[in-house]
Amino acid sequence: MFGFVGKLIGFAFEFSWSMIKVLFSVVFLPIILIALVFGGLLSIAFPILIVAIIISLIAKEGKEV
């Protein structure tokens, strides 16, 4: 019984971590970038966007291998 409950807790943590990653990459990052652009902080928004693109390309290449 403890093993079953432990596995369920492990799956719950794994699922919540995946959901947090999706929320930050799909929802919060674009909102933050749009807010920076409207606030006139293009010098901060563009480097963040470039870093995000590079990280996504590296992560994408890593999953294919």
PDB file of N, CA and C in Angstrom:
ATOM      1  N   MET A   1       0.810  -1.188   0.000  1.00  0.00           N
ATOM      2  CA  MET A   1       0.000   0.000   0.000  1.00  0.00           C
ATOM      3  C   MET A   1       0.865   1.269   0.000  1.00  0.00           C
ATOM      4  N   PHE A   2       1.954   1.253   0.784  1.00  0.00           N
ATOM      5  CA  PHE A   2       2.831   2.431   0.815  1.00  0.00           C
ATOM      6  C   PHE A   2       3.498   2.648  -0.542  1.00  0.00           C
ATOM      7  N   GLY A   3       3.840   1.558  -1.216  1.00  0.00           N
ATOM      8  CA  GLY A   3       4.453   1.684  -2.534  1.00  0.00           C
ATOM      9  C   GLY A   3       3.499   2.296  -3.545  1.00  0.00           C
ATOM     10  N   PHE A   4       2.244   1.881  -3.486  1.00  0.00           N
ATOM     11  CA  PHE A   4       1.233   2.410  -4.393  1.00  0.00           C
ATOM     12  C   PHE A   4       1.012   3.903  -4.154  1.00  0.00           C
ATOM     13  N   VAL A   5       0.879   4.283  -2.896  1.00  0.00           N
ATOM     14  CA  VAL A   5       0.678   5.689  -2.549  1.00  0.00           C
ATOM     15  C   VAL A   5       1.919   6.501  -2.924  1.00  0.00           C
ATOM     16  N   GLY A   6       3.109   5.946  -2.703  1.00  0.00           N
ATOM     17  CA  GLY A   6       4.340   6.632  -3.072  1.00  0.00           C
ATOM     18  C   GLY A   6       4.433   6.868  -4.567  1.00  0.00           C
ATOM     19  N   LYS A   7       4.036   5.857  -5.354  1.00  0.00           N
ATOM     20  CA  LYS A   7       4.050   6.031  -6.813  1.00  0.00           C
ATOM     21  C   LYS A   7       3.045   7.091  -7.258  1.00  0.00           C
ATOM     22  N   LEU A   8       1.873   7.110  -6.621  1.00  0.00           N
ATOM     23  CA  LEU A   8       0.881   8.127  -6.970  1.00  0.00           C
ATOM     24  C   LEU A   8       1.383   9.530  -6.636  1.00  0.00           C
ATOM     25  N   ILE A   9       2.045   9.672  -5.499  1.00  0.00           N
ATOM     26  CA  ILE A   9       2.611  10.973  -5.149  1.00  0.00           C
ATOM     27  C   ILE A   9       3.691  11.365  -6.148  1.00  0.00           C
ATOM     28  N   GLY A  10       4.520  10.408  -6.570  1.00  0.00           N
ATOM     29  CA  GLY A  10       5.546  10.676  -7.569  1.00  0.00           C
ATOM     30  C   GLY A  10       4.949  11.119  -8.899  1.00  0.00           C
ATOM     31  N   PHE A  11       3.879  10.428  -9.321  1.00  0.00           N
ATOM     32  CA  PHE A  11       3.209  10.827 -10.562  1.00  0.00           C
ATOM     33  C   PHE A  11       2.596  12.213 -10.434  1.00  0.00           C
ATOM     34  N   ALA A  12       2.046  12.535  -9.264  1.00  0.00           N
ATOM     35  CA  ALA A  12       1.445  13.858  -9.052  1.00  0.00           C
ATOM     36  C   ALA A  12       2.506  14.947  -9.154  1.00  0.00           C
ATOM     37  N   PHE A  13       3.692  14.730  -8.532  1.00  0.00           N
ATOM     38  CA  PHE A  13       4.756  15.727  -8.629  1.00  0.00           C
ATOM     39  C   PHE A  13       5.246  15.868 -10.065  1.00  0.00           C
ATOM     40  N   GLU A  14       5.380  14.757 -10.779  1.00  0.00           N
ATOM     41  CA  GLU A  14       5.832  14.800 -12.171  1.00  0.00           C
ATOM     42  C   GLU A  14       4.823  15.552 -13.047  1.00  0.00           C
ATOM     43  N   PHE A  15       3.534  15.286 -12.832  1.00  0.00           N
ATOM     44  CA  PHE A  15       2.495  15.961 -13.607  1.00  0.00           C
ATOM     45  C   PHE A  15       2.463  17.454 -13.306  1.00  0.00           C
ATOM     46  N   SER A  16       2.569  17.810 -12.022  1.00  0.00           N
ATOM     47  CA  SER A  16       2.519  19.224 -11.672  1.00  0.00           C
ATOM     48  C   SER A  16       3.740  19.969 -12.219  1.00  0.00           C
ATOM     49  N   TRP A  17       4.913  19.333 -12.209  1.00  0.00           N
ATOM     50  CA  TRP A  17       6.096  19.968 -12.773  1.00  0.00           C
ATOM     51  C   TRP A  17       5.928  20.187 -14.271  1.00  0.00           C
ATOM     52  N   SER A  18       5.360  19.215 -14.962  1.00  0.00           N
ATOM     53  CA  SER A  18       5.121  19.352 -16.404  1.00  0.00           C
ATOM     54  C   SER A  18       4.134  20.479 -16.683  1.00  0.00           C
ATOM     55  N   MET A  19       3.083  20.577 -15.884  1.00  0.00           N
ATOM     56  CA  MET A  19       2.092  21.629 -16.082  1.00  0.00           C
ATOM     57  C   MET A  19       2.696  23.006 -15.818  1.00  0.00           C
ATOM     58  N   ILE A  20       3.561  23.124 -14.804  1.00  0.00           N
ATOM     59  CA  ILE A  20       4.206  24.397 -14.521  1.00  0.00           C
ATOM     60  C   ILE A  20       5.095  24.811 -15.696  1.00  0.00           C
ATOM     61  N   LYS A  21       5.846  23.850 -16.255  1.00  0.00           N
ATOM     62  CA  LYS A  21       6.702  24.177 -17.399  1.00  0.00           C
ATOM     63  C   LYS A  21       5.874  24.640 -18.586  1.00  0.00           C
ATOM     64  N   VAL A  22       4.757  23.980 -18.848  1.00  0.00           N
ATOM     65  CA  VAL A  22       3.895  24.366 -19.964  1.00  0.00           C
ATOM     66  C   VAL A  22       3.302  25.747 -19.726  1.00  0.00           C
ATOM     67  N   LEU A  23       2.829  25.995 -18.513  1.00  0.00           N
ATOM     68  CA  LEU A  23       2.245  27.303 -18.222  1.00  0.00           C
ATOM     69  C   LEU A  23       3.255  28.424 -18.383  1.00  0.00           C
ATOM     70  N   PHE A  24       4.466  28.223 -17.882  1.00  0.00           N
ATOM     71  CA  PHE A  24       5.458  29.284 -17.999  1.00  0.00           C
ATOM     72  C   PHE A  24       5.880  29.507 -19.442  1.00  0.00           C
ATOM     73  N   SER A  25       6.009  28.436 -20.223  1.00  0.00           N
ATOM     74  CA  SER A  25       6.495  28.620 -21.585  1.00  0.00           C
ATOM     75  C   SER A  25       5.409  29.072 -22.547  1.00  0.00           C
ATOM     76  N   VAL A  26       4.160  28.685 -22.310  1.00  0.00           N
ATOM     77  CA  VAL A  26       3.091  29.003 -23.256  1.00  0.00           C
ATOM     78  C   VAL A  26       2.292  30.229 -22.829  1.00  0.00           C
ATOM     79  N   VAL A  27       2.133  30.440 -21.530  1.00  0.00           N
ATOM     80  CA  VAL A  27       1.266  31.518 -21.066  1.00  0.00           C
ATOM     81  C   VAL A  27       2.061  32.706 -20.533  1.00  0.00           C
ATOM     82  N   PHE A  28       2.893  32.466 -19.536  1.00  0.00           N
ATOM     83  CA  PHE A  28       3.525  33.580 -18.833  1.00  0.00           C
ATOM     84  C   PHE A  28       4.624  34.271 -19.647  1.00  0.00           C
ATOM     85  N   LEU A  29       5.443  33.531 -20.364  1.00  0.00           N
ATOM     86  CA  LEU A  29       6.521  34.160 -21.134  1.00  0.00           C
ATOM     87  C   LEU A  29       5.991  35.123 -22.194  1.00  0.00           C
ATOM     88  N   PRO A  30       5.001  34.737 -23.008  1.00  0.00           N
ATOM     89  CA  PRO A  30       4.480  35.717 -23.972  1.00  0.00           C
ATOM     90  C   PRO A  30       3.831  36.931 -23.307  1.00  0.00           C
ATOM     91  N   ILE A  31       3.144  36.726 -22.187  1.00  0.00           N
ATOM     92  CA  ILE A  31       2.526  37.860 -21.494  1.00  0.00           C
ATOM     93  C   ILE A  31       3.597  38.815 -20.985  1.00  0.00           C
ATOM     94  N   ILE A  32       4.660  38.266 -20.422  1.00  0.00           N
ATOM     95  CA  ILE A  32       5.751  39.102 -19.921  1.00  0.00           C
ATOM     96  C   ILE A  32       6.411  39.868 -21.066  1.00  0.00           C
ATOM     97  N   LEU A  33       6.656  39.195 -22.192  1.00  0.00           N
ATOM     98  CA  LEU A  33       7.282  39.868 -23.337  1.00  0.00           C
ATOM     99  C   LEU A  33       6.392  40.974 -23.900  1.00  0.00           C
ATOM    100  N   ILE A  34       5.101  40.726 -23.993  1.00  0.00           N
ATOM    101  CA  ILE A  34       4.176  41.749 -24.493  1.00  0.00           C
ATOM    102  C   ILE A  34       4.137  42.937 -23.542  1.00  0.00           C
ATOM    103  N   ALA A  35       4.137  42.658 -22.240  1.00  0.00           N
ATOM    104  CA  ALA A  35       4.135  43.748 -21.259  1.00  0.00           C
ATOM    105  C   ALA A  35       5.420  44.568 -21.355  1.00  0.00           C
ATOM    106  N   LEU A  36       6.551  43.916 -21.575  1.00  0.00           N
ATOM    107  CA  LEU A  36       7.807  44.643 -21.723  1.00  0.00           C
ATOM    108  C   LEU A  36       7.800  45.520 -22.973  1.00  0.00           C
ATOM    109  N   VAL A  37       7.241  45.010 -24.052  1.00  0.00           N
ATOM    110  CA  VAL A  37       7.181  45.794 -25.296  1.00  0.00           C
ATOM    111  C   VAL A  37       6.283  47.006 -25.109  1.00  0.00           C
ATOM    112  N   PHE A  38       5.100  46.813 -24.504  1.00  0.00           N
ATOM    113  CA  PHE A  38       4.203  47.941 -24.279  1.00  0.00           C
ATOM    114  C   PHE A  38       4.775  48.929 -23.274  1.00  0.00           C
ATOM    115  N   GLY A  39       5.604  48.437 -22.366  1.00  0.00           N
ATOM    116  CA  GLY A  39       6.227  49.325 -21.401  1.00  0.00           C
ATOM    117  C   GLY A  39       7.426  50.066 -21.949  1.00  0.00           C
ATOM    118  N   GLY A  40       7.793  49.782 -23.175  1.00  0.00           N
ATOM    119  CA  GLY A  40       8.907  50.481 -23.793  1.00  0.00           C
ATOM    120  C   GLY A  40      10.261  49.874 -23.461  1.00  0.00           C
ATOM    121  N   LEU A  41      10.284  48.654 -23.014  1.00  0.00           N
ATOM    122  CA  LEU A  41      11.538  48.006 -22.631  1.00  0.00           C
ATOM    123  C   LEU A  41      11.967  46.971 -23.679  1.00  0.00           C
ATOM    124  N   LEU A  42      12.069  47.425 -24.916  1.00  0.00           N
ATOM    125  CA  LEU A  42      12.465  46.531 -26.000  1.00  0.00           C
ATOM    126  C   LEU A  42      13.880  46.000 -25.806  1.00  0.00           C
ATOM    127  N   SER A  43      14.729  46.782 -25.154  1.00  0.00           N
ATOM    128  CA  SER A  43      16.111  46.334 -24.942  1.00  0.00           C
ATOM    129  C   SER A  43      16.178  45.149 -23.989  1.00  0.00           C
ATOM    130  N   ILE A  44      15.137  44.929 -23.209  1.00  0.00           N
ATOM    131  CA  ILE A  44      15.076  43.756 -22.329  1.00  0.00           C
ATOM    132  C   ILE A  44      14.281  42.630 -22.996  1.00  0.00           C
ATOM    133  N   ALA A  45      13.220  42.980 -23.735  1.00  0.00           N
ATOM    134  CA  ALA A  45      12.335  41.979 -24.325  1.00  0.00           C
ATOM    135  C   ALA A  45      13.034  41.173 -25.418  1.00  0.00           C
ATOM    136  N   PHE A  46      13.812  41.823 -26.270  1.00  0.00           N
ATOM    137  CA  PHE A  46      14.461  41.103 -27.364  1.00  0.00           C
ATOM    138  C   PHE A  46      15.492  40.083 -26.888  1.00  0.00           C
ATOM    139  N   PRO A  47      16.372  40.408 -25.954  1.00  0.00           N
ATOM    140  CA  PRO A  47      17.305  39.374 -25.474  1.00  0.00           C
ATOM    141  C   PRO A  47      16.598  38.192 -24.800  1.00  0.00           C
ATOM    142  N   ILE A  48      15.528  38.460 -24.051  1.00  0.00           N
ATOM    143  CA  ILE A  48      14.774  37.364 -23.433  1.00  0.00           C
ATOM    144  C   ILE A  48      14.166  36.478 -24.512  1.00  0.00           C
ATOM    145  N   LEU A  49      13.624  37.096 -25.563  1.00  0.00           N
ATOM    146  CA  LEU A  49      13.039  36.331 -26.662  1.00  0.00           C
ATOM    147  C   LEU A  49      14.096  35.497 -27.377  1.00  0.00           C
ATOM    148  N   ILE A  50      15.258  36.068 -27.625  1.00  0.00           N
ATOM    149  CA  ILE A  50      16.330  35.340 -28.301  1.00  0.00           C
ATOM    150  C   ILE A  50      16.806  34.163 -27.457  1.00  0.00           C
ATOM    151  N   VAL A  51      16.972  34.369 -26.156  1.00  0.00           N
ATOM    152  CA  VAL A  51      17.395  33.283 -25.265  1.00  0.00           C
ATOM    153  C   VAL A  51      16.340  32.182 -25.237  1.00  0.00           C
ATOM    154  N   ALA A  52      15.068  32.548 -25.190  1.00  0.00           N
ATOM    155  CA  ALA A  52      13.997  31.551 -25.190  1.00  0.00           C
ATOM    156  C   ALA A  52      13.992  30.741 -26.483  1.00  0.00           C
ATOM    157  N   ILE A  53      14.218  31.382 -27.600  1.00  0.00           N
ATOM    158  CA  ILE A  53      14.263  30.675 -28.884  1.00  0.00           C
ATOM    159  C   ILE A  53      15.442  29.703 -28.917  1.00  0.00           C
ATOM    160  N   ILE A  54      16.602  30.144 -28.465  1.00  0.00           N
ATOM    161  CA  ILE A  54      17.780  29.268 -28.453  1.00  0.00           C
ATOM    162  C   ILE A  54      17.555  28.065 -27.546  1.00  0.00           C
ATOM    163  N   ILE A  55      17.002  28.297 -26.368  1.00  0.00           N
ATOM    164  CA  ILE A  55      16.745  27.189 -25.435  1.00  0.00           C
ATOM    165  C   ILE A  55      15.737  26.213 -26.021  1.00  0.00           C
ATOM    166  N   SER A  56      14.689  26.719 -26.672  1.00  0.00           N
ATOM    167  CA  SER A  56      13.705  25.817 -27.260  1.00  0.00           C
ATOM    168  C   SER A  56      14.296  25.012 -28.411  1.00  0.00           C
ATOM    169  N   LEU A  57      15.182  25.614 -29.196  1.00  0.00           N
ATOM    170  CA  LEU A  57      15.826  24.869 -30.277  1.00  0.00           C
ATOM    171  C   LEU A  57      16.755  23.790 -29.726  1.00  0.00           C
ATOM    172  N   ILE A  58      17.494  24.110 -28.675  1.00  0.00           N
ATOM    173  CA  ILE A  58      18.388  23.122 -28.067  1.00  0.00           C
ATOM    174  C   ILE A  58      17.578  21.983 -27.458  1.00  0.00           C
ATOM    175  N   ALA A  59      16.496  22.307 -26.760  1.00  0.00           N
ATOM    176  CA  ALA A  59      15.651  21.276 -26.150  1.00  0.00           C
ATOM    177  C   ALA A  59      14.989  20.412 -27.214  1.00  0.00           C
ATOM    178  N   LYS A  60      14.608  21.018 -28.316  1.00  0.00           N
ATOM    179  CA  LYS A  60      13.991  20.282 -29.402  1.00  0.00           C
ATOM    180  C   LYS A  60      14.989  19.306 -30.035  1.00  0.00           C
ATOM    181  N   GLU A  61      16.217  19.748 -30.223  1.00  0.00           N
ATOM    182  CA  GLU A  61      17.255  18.882 -30.792  1.00  0.00           C
ATOM    183  C   GLU A  61      17.608  17.746 -29.827  1.00  0.00           C
ATOM    184  N   GLY A  62      17.589  18.028 -28.544  1.00  0.00           N
ATOM    185  CA  GLY A  62      17.927  17.009 -27.567  1.00  0.00           C
ATOM    186  C   GLY A  62      16.913  15.893 -27.498  1.00  0.00           C
ATOM    187  N   LYS A  63      15.643  16.191 -27.757  1.00  0.00           N
ATOM    188  CA  LYS A  63      14.591  15.171 -27.721  1.00  0.00           C
ATOM    189  C   LYS A  63      14.602  14.276 -28.957  1.00  0.00           C
ATOM    190  N   GLU A  64      15.096  14.778 -30.059  1.00  0.00           N
ATOM    191  CA  GLU A  64      15.111  13.991 -31.289  1.00  0.00           C
ATOM    192  C   GLU A  64      16.188  12.922 -31.254  1.00  0.00           C
ATOM    193  N   VAL A  65      17.238  13.146 -30.541  1.00  0.00           N
ATOM    194  CA  VAL A  65      18.357  12.204 -30.515  1.00  0.00           C
ATOM    195  C   VAL A  65      18.053  11.049 -29.630  1.00  0.00           C
TER     196      VAL A  65
END
